[in-house]
Amino acid sequence: MSRPLQVQVSATRMLTEAVREFTFTPCSGHLPAFSPGSHVQVHLPLAAGTLRNAYSLTSDPADNRHYRIAVRLQEHSRGGSRFLHREVQVGDTLQLSAPANLFALHSTASLHILIAGGIGITPFMAYIAALEQRQANFELHYVYRQGQSDAYVDELQQRLGTRLHTYNQRPDLNHILRERPLGSHVYSCGPQPLLDAVRQQANALGWPAQRVHWEAFSAAQPGRHSPLPFP
């Protein structure tokens, strides 16, 4: 197992009422390079012991002078997001695992269709930076609750223009996925109901399984009904 990375919190900002962004810089040396879709585990020294929470890297993979993550406050979680939101300040030092990638881009895709639910936008921020640099064909479909889980939406509207499609209700996945160019890949990230819906619709339309990719990010709160496919 590789040694943890020692980093300093160099900046924070609130992206929404519930989402806080953190910028980490190395305490010494350089940060390892990473690929789009990578995550790190942040070692959180809670009173009950060290908790290791995984967060997607949102920063540009071409620039490893710093890492960025964005964390949604989950009041009923194990305490990691509360610690990051309420205890961690600029100047603090933390330990991170080296980046790992379980949600990689497929470089041969003719079209990349990105579908994000709420805080599931985070891995796609690094995707977008890489896809723009490659001048690749892509579009982003972003489902969120305004003011709560709409992190980066203003930036994305300015940056992507007509390649960004936003929703405050369940999107029409049949419309998004039907009649796409041969060689298209679809990627979804967010809570399980959204991932299930994307996979089911892709399967119904005959998408090859190897072109459908997903990463789970959060679950609906117990006992809480929502008409949207994310909490």
Foldseek 3Di string as FASTA:
>chain_A
DDDWFKWFFADKDDQFPFKIKTKIAGPDDWADQDAQQKWKWWFDQDPVGTDTDIFAWLDASVDRRITMGMAGDDPPDPCPSVCVVPPDDGGDMTTIHHIDHPFHDDVQAQEEEEEEEFSQCRSVNNVVNVCVVVVHHYAYEYEYDPRHRCGCVVVCCVVPPPSYHYDPAEDDLLVVPPPDDPRYAYEYEEADQVLVVNVVSCVVRPNPPVRYYYDYDDYDDPPDDDRHSHD
